[in-house]
Amino acid sequence: DHDVHLDLALEMAEADLAKRTDAGAWDAYAWALYKNDRAADALQASEKALSSGMQDAGFFYRAAVIRQAVGDDERAADLLERALELSPRFHPLHAEAAERLLAEVR
């Protein structure tokens, strides 16, 4: 998640998804797609991750970033609120980014 070797990250996420199709694999694939400037494709993968029902602040944050990238600010705000309600300090960097993005999309 440091924006290096993004093509390799996508290859690894695709390989992982070929072996397992759980929420974590879909989430990683969605994020790798997003980081490779494929937000529309990432949206579909992110929906599959969220459809698992997993209650994870990181999932919600990454899904929100993807929604914002495709212009769905309303859904992004909902997901950011869920992430921050579930765990206000869910990640040392992403929690603050979530708060900033929420202020932006509201």
Protein backbone atom coordinates (compact mmCIF):
# COMPACT_ATOMS: atom_id res chain seq x y z
CA ASP A 1 0.00 0.00 0.00
CA HIS A 2 2.98 2.26 -0.53
CA ASP A 3 2.37 2.77 -4.25
CA VAL A 4 5.39 0.73 -5.35
CA HIS A 5 5.39 -2.30 -7.62
CA LEU A 6 1.71 -1.80 -8.36
CA ASP A 7 1.77 -4.12 -11.36
CA LEU A 8 3.25 -6.88 -9.21
CA ALA A 9 0.68 -6.24 -6.49
CA LEU A 10 -2.09 -6.70 -9.05
CA GLU A 11 -0.53 -9.92 -10.34
CA MET A 12 -0.26 -11.26 -6.80
CA ALA A 13 -3.85 -10.30 -5.99
CA GLU A 14 -5.06 -12.03 -9.16
CA ALA A 15 -3.09 -15.17 -8.28
CA ASP A 16 -4.50 -15.13 -4.75
CA LEU A 17 -8.03 -14.74 -6.07
CA ALA A 18 -7.50 -17.76 -8.31
CA LYS A 19 -6.80 -19.82 -5.16
CA ARG A 20 -9.38 -18.41 -2.78
CA THR A 21 -12.44 -16.26 -3.28
CA ASP A 22 -13.09 -15.01 0.22
CA ALA A 23 -13.70 -11.41 1.22
CA GLY A 24 -10.04 -10.75 1.91
CA ALA A 25 -8.99 -11.89 -1.54
CA TRP A 26 -11.67 -9.77 -3.22
CA ASP A 27 -10.71 -6.76 -1.08
CA ALA A 28 -7.02 -7.10 -1.94
CA TYR A 29 -7.87 -7.49 -5.63
CA ALA A 30 -10.15 -4.44 -5.55
CA TRP A 31 -7.46 -2.32 -3.91
CA ALA A 32 -4.80 -3.50 -6.37
CA LEU A 33 -7.10 -2.63 -9.27
CA TYR A 34 -7.78 0.81 -7.79
CA LYS A 35 -4.08 1.46 -7.24
CA ASN A 36 -3.52 0.53 -10.90
CA ASP A 37 -5.99 3.22 -12.04
CA ARG A 38 -8.81 0.76 -12.72
CA ALA A 39 -11.45 2.17 -10.38
CA ALA A 40 -14.43 0.87 -12.39
CA ASP A 41 -13.08 -2.68 -12.22
CA ALA A 42 -12.18 -2.17 -8.58
CA LEU A 43 -15.77 -1.23 -7.83
CA GLN A 44 -17.04 -4.64 -8.93
CA ALA A 45 -14.41 -6.50 -6.91
CA SER A 46 -15.07 -4.30 -3.89
CA GLU A 47 -18.79 -5.10 -4.03
CA LYS A 48 -17.93 -8.80 -3.88
CA ALA A 49 -15.78 -8.20 -0.80
CA LEU A 50 -18.54 -6.22 0.91
CA SER A 51 -21.21 -8.77 0.01
CA SER A 52 -19.56 -11.22 2.39
CA GLY A 53 -20.97 -9.28 5.32
CA MET A 54 -17.53 -8.94 6.89
CA GLN A 55 -17.49 -6.09 9.38
CA ASP A 56 -14.02 -4.67 8.88
CA ALA A 57 -13.13 -0.99 9.03
CA GLY A 58 -10.35 -1.44 6.50
CA PHE A 59 -12.73 -3.05 3.99
CA PHE A 60 -15.14 -0.17 4.43
CA TYR A 61 -12.40 2.44 4.05
CA ARG A 62 -10.98 0.92 0.87
CA ALA A 63 -14.47 0.48 -0.56
CA ALA A 64 -15.19 4.13 0.21
CA VAL A 65 -12.06 5.34 -1.54
CA ILE A 66 -13.03 3.31 -4.60
CA ARG A 67 -16.60 4.69 -4.51
CA GLN A 68 -15.28 8.23 -4.31
CA ALA A 69 -12.99 7.55 -7.28
CA VAL A 70 -15.98 6.58 -9.43
CA GLY A 71 -17.99 9.60 -8.30
CA ASP A 72 -20.31 7.96 -5.76
CA ASP A 73 -19.69 10.36 -2.88
CA GLU A 74 -22.89 9.46 -1.06
CA ARG A 75 -22.00 5.77 -0.80
CA ALA A 76 -18.40 6.70 0.01
CA ALA A 77 -19.62 8.79 2.95
CA ASP A 78 -21.78 5.92 4.22
CA LEU A 79 -18.87 3.50 4.08
CA LEU A 80 -16.47 5.93 5.74
CA GLU A 81 -18.93 6.48 8.57
CA ARG A 82 -19.22 2.70 9.03
CA ALA A 83 -15.44 2.33 9.10
CA LEU A 84 -14.98 5.06 11.68
CA GLU A 85 -17.90 3.87 13.82
CA LEU A 86 -16.55 0.34 13.83
CA SER A 87 -13.01 1.37 14.71
CA PRO A 88 -12.09 5.07 14.85
CA ARG A 89 -8.35 4.28 14.87
CA PHE A 90 -8.44 1.27 12.53
CA HIS A 91 -5.14 2.14 10.83
CA PRO A 92 -2.34 4.57 11.73
CA LEU A 93 -2.62 6.38 8.38
CA HIS A 94 -5.94 5.38 6.87
CA ALA A 95 -8.05 6.42 9.86
CA GLU A 96 -6.95 10.03 9.46
CA ALA A 97 -7.36 9.79 5.69
CA ALA A 98 -10.88 8.44 6.25
CA GLU A 99 -11.77 11.45 8.39
CA ARG A 100 -10.41 13.85 5.76
CA LEU A 101 -12.19 12.07 2.92
CA LEU A 102 -15.45 11.99 4.86
CA ALA A 103 -15.28 15.76 5.32
CA GLU A 104 -14.63 16.12 1.59
CA VAL A 105 -17.50 13.93 0.36
CA ARG A 106 -20.17 15.15 2.78
